[in-house]
């Protein structure tokens, strides 16, 4: 189900409907987090998409927070190397 949300989010993104895209990416992130946990690549990819929408819409503080969370979880899961 989350992969459909990601695809739909990308469609909204391409149409310029960023609020709808963010909603779909948020929902995909929530589903993936529940199913796989916070450090799973699918969860982190969805969160990065949320950050991309925030960046695109000028919500730089939220974007930075999301990107920092992705980086933190990636470092936690995979280390620096």
PDB file of N, CA and C in Angstrom:
ATOM      1  N   UNK A   1       0.812  -1.190   0.000  1.00  0.00           N
ATOM      2  CA  UNK A   1       0.000   0.000   0.000  1.00  0.00           C
ATOM      3  C   UNK A   1       0.864   1.267   0.000  1.00  0.00           C
ATOM      4  N   UNK A   2       1.943   1.246   0.741  1.00  0.00           N
ATOM      5  CA  UNK A   2       2.796   2.432   0.814  1.00  0.00           C
ATOM      6  C   UNK A   2       3.420   2.746  -0.545  1.00  0.00           C
ATOM      7  N   UNK A   3       3.743   1.706  -1.319  1.00  0.00           N
ATOM      8  CA  UNK A   3       4.344   1.967  -2.631  1.00  0.00           C
ATOM      9  C   UNK A   3       3.358   2.682  -3.549  1.00  0.00           C
ATOM     10  N   UNK A   4       2.062   2.389  -3.392  1.00  0.00           N
ATOM     11  CA  UNK A   4       1.052   3.108  -4.171  1.00  0.00           C
ATOM     12  C   UNK A   4       0.984   4.567  -3.741  1.00  0.00           C
ATOM     13  N   UNK A   5       1.135   4.805  -2.450  1.00  0.00           N
ATOM     14  CA  UNK A   5       1.122   6.176  -1.940  1.00  0.00           C
ATOM     15  C   UNK A   5       2.320   6.963  -2.493  1.00  0.00           C
ATOM     16  N   UNK A   6       3.472   6.302  -2.559  1.00  0.00           N
ATOM     17  CA  UNK A   6       4.662   6.951  -3.122  1.00  0.00           C
ATOM     18  C   UNK A   6       4.418   7.296  -4.595  1.00  0.00           C
ATOM     19  N   UNK A   7       3.872   6.351  -5.342  1.00  0.00           N
ATOM     20  CA  UNK A   7       3.586   6.600  -6.762  1.00  0.00           C
ATOM     21  C   UNK A   7       2.581   7.731  -6.936  1.00  0.00           C
ATOM     22  N   UNK A   8       1.553   7.732  -6.124  1.00  0.00           N
ATOM     23  CA  UNK A   8       0.558   8.787  -6.196  1.00  0.00           C
ATOM     24  C   UNK A   8       1.169  10.131  -5.795  1.00  0.00           C
ATOM     25  N   UNK A   9       2.026  10.115  -4.782  1.00  0.00           N
ATOM     26  CA  UNK A   9       2.728  11.333  -4.378  1.00  0.00           C
ATOM     27  C   UNK A   9       3.577  11.895  -5.501  1.00  0.00           C
ATOM     28  N   UNK A  10       4.262  11.019  -6.232  1.00  0.00           N
ATOM     29  CA  UNK A  10       5.069  11.471  -7.369  1.00  0.00           C
ATOM     30  C   UNK A  10       4.186  12.074  -8.466  1.00  0.00           C
ATOM     31  N   UNK A  11       3.018  11.486  -8.664  1.00  0.00           N
ATOM     32  CA  UNK A  11       2.088  12.020  -9.663  1.00  0.00           C
ATOM     33  C   UNK A  11       1.633  13.423  -9.272  1.00  0.00           C
ATOM     34  N   UNK A  12       1.243  13.568  -8.007  1.00  0.00           N
ATOM     35  CA  UNK A  12       0.850  14.902  -7.535  1.00  0.00           C
ATOM     36  C   UNK A  12       2.002  15.892  -7.653  1.00  0.00           C
ATOM     37  N   UNK A  13       3.208  15.441  -7.345  1.00  0.00           N
ATOM     38  CA  UNK A  13       4.402  16.293  -7.447  1.00  0.00           C
ATOM     39  C   UNK A  13       4.539  16.820  -8.880  1.00  0.00           C
ATOM     40  N   UNK A  14       4.434  15.902  -9.840  1.00  0.00           N
ATOM     41  CA  UNK A  14       4.586  16.295 -11.240  1.00  0.00           C
ATOM     42  C   UNK A  14       3.486  17.252 -11.702  1.00  0.00           C
ATOM     43  N   UNK A  15       2.314  17.143 -11.079  1.00  0.00           N
ATOM     44  CA  UNK A  15       1.207  18.035 -11.400  1.00  0.00           C
ATOM     45  C   UNK A  15       1.304  19.372 -10.658  1.00  0.00           C
ATOM     46  N   UNK A  16       2.271  19.463  -9.747  1.00  0.00           N
ATOM     47  CA  UNK A  16       2.434  20.697  -8.985  1.00  0.00           C
ATOM     48  C   UNK A  16       1.508  20.807  -7.791  1.00  0.00           C
ATOM     49  N   UNK A  17       0.843  19.715  -7.444  1.00  0.00           N
ATOM     50  CA  UNK A  17      -0.064  19.699  -6.292  1.00  0.00           C
ATOM     51  C   UNK A  17       0.726  19.214  -5.075  1.00  0.00           C
ATOM     52  N   UNK A  18       1.526  20.114  -4.531  1.00  0.00           N
ATOM     53  CA  UNK A  18       2.453  19.740  -3.460  1.00  0.00           C
ATOM     54  C   UNK A  18       1.768  19.374  -2.147  1.00  0.00           C
ATOM     55  N   UNK A  19       0.672  20.024  -1.759  1.00  0.00           N
ATOM     56  CA  UNK A  19      -0.003  19.574  -0.534  1.00  0.00           C
ATOM     57  C   UNK A  19      -0.492  18.126  -0.624  1.00  0.00           C
ATOM     58  N   UNK A  20      -1.046  17.756  -1.780  1.00  0.00           N
ATOM     59  CA  UNK A  20      -1.500  16.372  -1.953  1.00  0.00           C
ATOM     60  C   UNK A  20      -0.312  15.412  -2.002  1.00  0.00           C
ATOM     61  N   UNK A  21       0.769  15.835  -2.646  1.00  0.00           N
ATOM     62  CA  UNK A  21       1.972  14.996  -2.690  1.00  0.00           C
ATOM     63  C   UNK A  21       2.497  14.764  -1.281  1.00  0.00           C
ATOM     64  N   UNK A  22       2.553  15.822  -0.492  1.00  0.00           N
ATOM     65  CA  UNK A  22       3.070  15.693   0.880  1.00  0.00           C
ATOM     66  C   UNK A  22       2.186  14.757   1.693  1.00  0.00           C
ATOM     67  N   UNK A  23       0.890  14.874   1.524  1.00  0.00           N
ATOM     68  CA  UNK A  23      -0.036  14.005   2.239  1.00  0.00           C
ATOM     69  C   UNK A  23       0.214  12.527   1.907  1.00  0.00           C
ATOM     70  N   UNK A  24       0.399  12.245   0.634  1.00  0.00           N
ATOM     71  CA  UNK A  24       0.650  10.858   0.225  1.00  0.00           C
ATOM     72  C   UNK A  24       1.989  10.363   0.770  1.00  0.00           C
ATOM     73  N   UNK A  25       3.018  11.199   0.701  1.00  0.00           N
ATOM     74  CA  UNK A  25       4.325  10.797   1.228  1.00  0.00           C
ATOM     75  C   UNK A  25       4.275  10.626   2.748  1.00  0.00           C
ATOM     76  N   UNK A  26       3.536  11.499   3.436  1.00  0.00           N
ATOM     77  CA  UNK A  26       3.364  11.346   4.889  1.00  0.00           C
ATOM     78  C   UNK A  26       2.712  10.009   5.228  1.00  0.00           C
ATOM     79  N   UNK A  27       1.680   9.678   4.486  1.00  0.00           N
ATOM     80  CA  UNK A  27       0.980   8.416   4.743  1.00  0.00           C
ATOM     81  C   UNK A  27       1.869   7.211   4.430  1.00  0.00           C
ATOM     82  N   UNK A  28       2.638   7.298   3.355  1.00  0.00           N
ATOM     83  CA  UNK A  28       3.569   6.209   3.033  1.00  0.00           C
ATOM     84  C   UNK A  28       4.612   6.059   4.138  1.00  0.00           C
ATOM     85  N   UNK A  29       5.107   7.183   4.629  1.00  0.00           N
ATOM     86  CA  UNK A  29       6.088   7.140   5.713  1.00  0.00           C
ATOM     87  C   UNK A  29       5.490   6.472   6.949  1.00  0.00           C
ATOM     88  N   UNK A  30       4.269   6.840   7.309  1.00  0.00           N
ATOM     89  CA  UNK A  30       3.623   6.265   8.489  1.00  0.00           C
ATOM     90  C   UNK A  30       3.421   4.757   8.340  1.00  0.00           C
ATOM     91  N   UNK A  31       2.979   4.328   7.177  1.00  0.00           N
ATOM     92  CA  UNK A  31       2.757   2.894   6.942  1.00  0.00           C
ATOM     93  C   UNK A  31       4.083   2.137   7.002  1.00  0.00           C
ATOM     94  N   UNK A  32       5.089   2.652   6.307  1.00  0.00           N
ATOM     95  CA  UNK A  32       6.390   1.969   6.290  1.00  0.00           C
ATOM     96  C   UNK A  32       7.015   1.933   7.680  1.00  0.00           C
ATOM     97  N   UNK A  33       6.867   3.013   8.426  1.00  0.00           N
ATOM     98  CA  UNK A  33       7.419   3.054   9.783  1.00  0.00           C
ATOM     99  C   UNK A  33       6.764   1.993  10.655  1.00  0.00           C
ATOM    100  N   UNK A  34       5.453   1.863  10.518  1.00  0.00           N
ATOM    101  CA  UNK A  34       4.725   0.867  11.309  1.00  0.00           C
ATOM    102  C   UNK A  34       5.103  -0.558  10.895  1.00  0.00           C
ATOM    103  N   UNK A  35       5.234  -0.792   9.602  1.00  0.00           N
ATOM    104  CA  UNK A  35       5.525  -2.138   9.105  1.00  0.00           C
ATOM    105  C   UNK A  35       6.988  -2.544   9.280  1.00  0.00           C
ATOM    106  N   UNK A  36       7.903  -1.604   9.011  1.00  0.00           N
ATOM    107  CA  UNK A  36       9.312  -1.956   8.919  1.00  0.00           C
ATOM    108  C   UNK A  36      10.206  -1.329   9.984  1.00  0.00           C
ATOM    109  N   UNK A  37       9.711  -0.299  10.650  1.00  0.00           N
ATOM    110  CA  UNK A  37      10.529   0.388  11.638  1.00  0.00           C
ATOM    111  C   UNK A  37      11.145   1.657  11.071  1.00  0.00           C
ATOM    112  N   UNK A  38      11.737   2.474  11.953  1.00  0.00           N
ATOM    113  CA  UNK A  38      12.201   3.801  11.545  1.00  0.00           C
ATOM    114  C   UNK A  38      13.468   3.821  10.698  1.00  0.00           C
ATOM    115  N   UNK A  39      14.244   2.746  10.681  1.00  0.00           N
ATOM    116  CA  UNK A  39      15.514   2.773   9.951  1.00  0.00           C
ATOM    117  C   UNK A  39      15.496   1.981   8.649  1.00  0.00           C
ATOM    118  N   UNK A  40      14.354   1.441   8.305  1.00  0.00           N
ATOM    119  CA  UNK A  40      14.261   0.664   7.058  1.00  0.00           C
ATOM    120  C   UNK A  40      14.384   1.599   5.851  1.00  0.00           C
ATOM    121  N   UNK A  41      15.048   1.162   4.801  1.00  0.00           N
ATOM    122  CA  UNK A  41      15.214   2.021   3.623  1.00  0.00           C
ATOM    123  C   UNK A  41      13.904   2.566   3.046  1.00  0.00           C
ATOM    124  N   UNK A  42      12.845   1.773   3.058  1.00  0.00           N
ATOM    125  CA  UNK A  42      11.567   2.267   2.530  1.00  0.00           C
ATOM    126  C   UNK A  42      11.019   3.402   3.392  1.00  0.00           C
ATOM    127  N   UNK A  43      11.174   3.252   4.695  1.00  0.00           N
ATOM    128  CA  UNK A  43      10.724   4.293   5.611  1.00  0.00           C
ATOM    129  C   UNK A  43      11.514   5.569   5.386  1.00  0.00           C
ATOM    130  N   UNK A  44      12.820   5.430   5.263  1.00  0.00           N
ATOM    131  CA  UNK A  44      13.677   6.596   5.066  1.00  0.00           C
ATOM    132  C   UNK A  44      13.447   7.250   3.709  1.00  0.00           C
ATOM    133  N   UNK A  45      13.200   6.461   2.690  1.00  0.00           N
ATOM    134  CA  UNK A  45      12.897   7.027   1.368  1.00  0.00           C
ATOM    135  C   UNK A  45      11.620   7.866   1.410  1.00  0.00           C
ATOM    136  N   UNK A  46      10.601   7.356   2.097  1.00  0.00           N
ATOM    137  CA  UNK A  46       9.348   8.107   2.194  1.00  0.00           C
ATOM    138  C   UNK A  46       9.549   9.408   2.962  1.00  0.00           C
ATOM    139  N   UNK A  47      10.324   9.355   4.030  1.00  0.00           N
ATOM    140  CA  UNK A  47      10.596  10.561   4.798  1.00  0.00           C
ATOM    141  C   UNK A  47      11.403  11.568   3.967  1.00  0.00           C
ATOM    142  N   UNK A  48      12.324  11.086   3.161  1.00  0.00           N
ATOM    143  CA  UNK A  48      13.078  11.979   2.275  1.00  0.00           C
ATOM    144  C   UNK A  48      12.148  12.644   1.259  1.00  0.00           C
ATOM    145  N   UNK A  49      11.148  11.923   0.797  1.00  0.00           N
ATOM    146  CA  UNK A  49      10.178  12.523  -0.133  1.00  0.00           C
ATOM    147  C   UNK A  49       9.391  13.637   0.552  1.00  0.00           C
ATOM    148  N   UNK A  50       9.031  13.433   1.817  1.00  0.00           N
ATOM    149  CA  UNK A  50       8.371  14.490   2.581  1.00  0.00           C
ATOM    150  C   UNK A  50       9.286  15.719   2.636  1.00  0.00           C
ATOM    151  N   UNK A  51      10.553  15.476   2.912  1.00  0.00           N
ATOM    152  CA  UNK A  51      11.521  16.566   2.945  1.00  0.00           C
ATOM    153  C   UNK A  51      11.646  17.270   1.605  1.00  0.00           C
ATOM    154  N   UNK A  52      11.593  16.518   0.526  1.00  0.00           N
ATOM    155  CA  UNK A  52      11.671  17.119  -0.805  1.00  0.00           C
ATOM    156  C   UNK A  52      10.499  18.065  -1.066  1.00  0.00           C
ATOM    157  N   UNK A  53       9.310  17.652  -0.646  1.00  0.00           N
ATOM    158  CA  UNK A  53       8.144  18.533  -0.815  1.00  0.00           C
ATOM    159  C   UNK A  53       8.318  19.789   0.032  1.00  0.00           C
ATOM    160  N   UNK A  54       8.768  19.608   1.271  1.00  0.00           N
ATOM    161  CA  UNK A  54       8.990  20.769   2.137  1.00  0.00           C
ATOM    162  C   UNK A  54      10.004  21.727   1.507  1.00  0.00           C
ATOM    163  N   UNK A  55      11.055  21.178   0.956  1.00  0.00           N
ATOM    164  CA  UNK A  55      12.065  22.006   0.304  1.00  0.00           C
ATOM    165  C   UNK A  55      11.470  22.750  -0.892  1.00  0.00           C
ATOM    166  N   UNK A  56      10.732  22.040  -1.704  1.00  0.00           N
ATOM    167  CA  UNK A  56      10.141  22.622  -2.913  1.00  0.00           C
ATOM    168  C   UNK A  56       9.158  23.741  -2.592  1.00  0.00           C
ATOM    169  N   UNK A  57       8.459  23.596  -1.458  1.00  0.00           N
ATOM    170  CA  UNK A  57       7.435  24.583  -1.101  1.00  0.00           C
ATOM    171  C   UNK A  57       7.974  25.683  -0.200  1.00  0.00           C
ATOM    172  N   UNK A  58       9.284  25.692   0.028  1.00  0.00           N
ATOM    173  CA  UNK A  58       9.891  26.758   0.803  1.00  0.00           C
ATOM    174  C   UNK A  58       9.828  26.580   2.303  1.00  0.00           C
ATOM    175  N   UNK A  59       9.408  25.417   2.759  1.00  0.00           N
ATOM    176  CA  UNK A  59       9.367  25.139   4.194  1.00  0.00           C
ATOM    177  C   UNK A  59      10.725  24.547   4.595  1.00  0.00           C
ATOM    178  N   UNK A  60      11.724  25.410   4.624  1.00  0.00           N
ATOM    179  CA  UNK A  60      13.108  24.975   4.780  1.00  0.00           C
ATOM    180  C   UNK A  60      13.403  24.373   6.152  1.00  0.00           C
ATOM    181  N   UNK A  61      12.766  24.886   7.178  1.00  0.00           N
ATOM    182  CA  UNK A  61      12.989  24.355   8.524  1.00  0.00           C
ATOM    183  C   UNK A  61      12.492  22.914   8.606  1.00  0.00           C
ATOM    184  N   UNK A  62      11.292  22.668   8.092  1.00  0.00           N
ATOM    185  CA  UNK A  62      10.747  21.306   8.100  1.00  0.00           C
ATOM    186  C   UNK A  62      11.593  20.383   7.220  1.00  0.00           C
ATOM    187  N   UNK A  63      12.002  20.880   6.048  1.00  0.00           N
ATOM    188  CA  UNK A  63      12.830  20.070   5.149  1.00  0.00           C
ATOM    189  C   UNK A  63      14.126  19.667   5.832  1.00  0.00           C
ATOM    190  N   UNK A  64      14.782  20.630   6.448  1.00  0.00           N
ATOM    191  CA  UNK A  64      16.040  20.319   7.130  1.00  0.00           C
ATOM    192  C   UNK A  64      15.819  19.290   8.236  1.00  0.00           C
ATOM    193  N   UNK A  65      14.748  19.454   8.992  1.00  0.00           N
ATOM    194  CA  UNK A  65      14.454  18.492  10.060  1.00  0.00           C
ATOM    195  C   UNK A  65      14.242  17.086   9.518  1.00  0.00           C
ATOM    196  N   UNK A  66      13.507  16.983   8.419  1.00  0.00           N
ATOM    197  CA  UNK A  66      13.271  15.664   7.827  1.00  0.00           C
ATOM    198  C   UNK A  66      14.555  15.060   7.274  1.00  0.00           C
ATOM    199  N   UNK A  67      15.348  15.873   6.591  1.00  0.00           N
ATOM    200  CA  UNK A  67      16.602  15.360   6.043  1.00  0.00           C
ATOM    201  C   UNK A  67      17.574  14.963   7.153  1.00  0.00           C
ATOM    202  N   UNK A  68      17.589  15.717   8.239  1.00  0.00           N
ATOM    203  CA  UNK A  68      18.448  15.358   9.370  1.00  0.00           C
ATOM    204  C   UNK A  68      17.995  14.049  10.013  1.00  0.00           C
ATOM    205  N   UNK A  69      16.682  13.847  10.098  1.00  0.00           N
ATOM    206  CA  UNK A  69      16.171  12.576  10.632  1.00  0.00           C
ATOM    207  C   UNK A  69      16.581  11.412   9.743  1.00  0.00           C
ATOM    208  N   UNK A  70      16.461  11.597   8.427  1.00  0.00           N
ATOM    209  CA  UNK A  70      16.877  10.536   7.500  1.00  0.00           C
ATOM    210  C   UNK A  70      18.360  10.228   7.698  1.00  0.00           C
ATOM    211  N   UNK A  71      19.182  11.265   7.723  1.00  0.00           N
ATOM    212  CA  UNK A  71      20.619  11.063   7.890  1.00  0.00           C
ATOM    213  C   UNK A  71      20.932  10.376   9.219  1.00  0.00           C
ATOM    214  N   UNK A  72      20.296  10.819  10.279  1.00  0.00           N
ATOM    215  CA  UNK A  72      20.529  10.231  11.596  1.00  0.00           C
ATOM    216  C   UNK A  72      20.194   8.742  11.613  1.00  0.00           C
ATOM    217  N   UNK A  73      19.042   8.402  11.050  1.00  0.00           N
ATOM    218  CA  UNK A  73      18.641   6.991  11.018  1.00  0.00           C
ATOM    219  C   UNK A  73      19.549   6.167  10.115  1.00  0.00           C
ATOM    220  N   UNK A  74      19.996   6.768   9.019  1.00  0.00           N
ATOM    221  CA  UNK A  74      20.910   6.040   8.127  1.00  0.00           C
ATOM    222  C   UNK A  74      22.242   5.773   8.819  1.00  0.00           C
ATOM    223  N   UNK A  75      22.757   6.767   9.520  1.00  0.00           N
ATOM    224  CA  UNK A  75      24.005   6.580  10.251  1.00  0.00           C
ATOM    225  C   UNK A  75      23.850   5.541  11.352  1.00  0.00           C
ATOM    226  N   UNK A  76      22.690   5.578  12.026  1.00  0.00           N
ATOM    227  CA  UNK A  76      22.405   4.610  13.080  1.00  0.00           C
ATOM    228  C   UNK A  76      22.346   3.188  12.511  1.00  0.00           C
ATOM    229  N   UNK A  77      21.722   3.046  11.358  1.00  0.00           N
ATOM    230  CA  UNK A  77      21.534   1.720  10.787  1.00  0.00           C
ATOM    231  C   UNK A  77      22.760   1.194  10.059  1.00  0.00           C
ATOM    232  N   UNK A  78      23.487   2.087   9.386  1.00  0.00           N
ATOM    233  CA  UNK A  78      24.552   1.628   8.494  1.00  0.00           C
ATOM    234  C   UNK A  78      25.950   2.126   8.852  1.00  0.00           C
ATOM    235  N   UNK A  79      26.044   3.056   9.786  1.00  0.00           N
ATOM    236  CA  UNK A  79      27.346   3.600  10.159  1.00  0.00           C
ATOM    237  C   UNK A  79      27.824   4.641   9.150  1.00  0.00           C
ATOM    238  N   UNK A  80      28.995   5.159   9.407  1.00  0.00           N
ATOM    239  CA  UNK A  80      29.535   6.236   8.557  1.00  0.00           C
ATOM    240  C   UNK A  80      30.205   5.717   7.289  1.00  0.00           C
ATOM    241  N   UNK A  81      30.557   4.475   7.248  1.00  0.00           N
ATOM    242  CA  UNK A  81      31.294   3.935   6.084  1.00  0.00           C
ATOM    243  C   UNK A  81      30.372   3.385   5.037  1.00  0.00           C
TER     244      UNK A  81
END
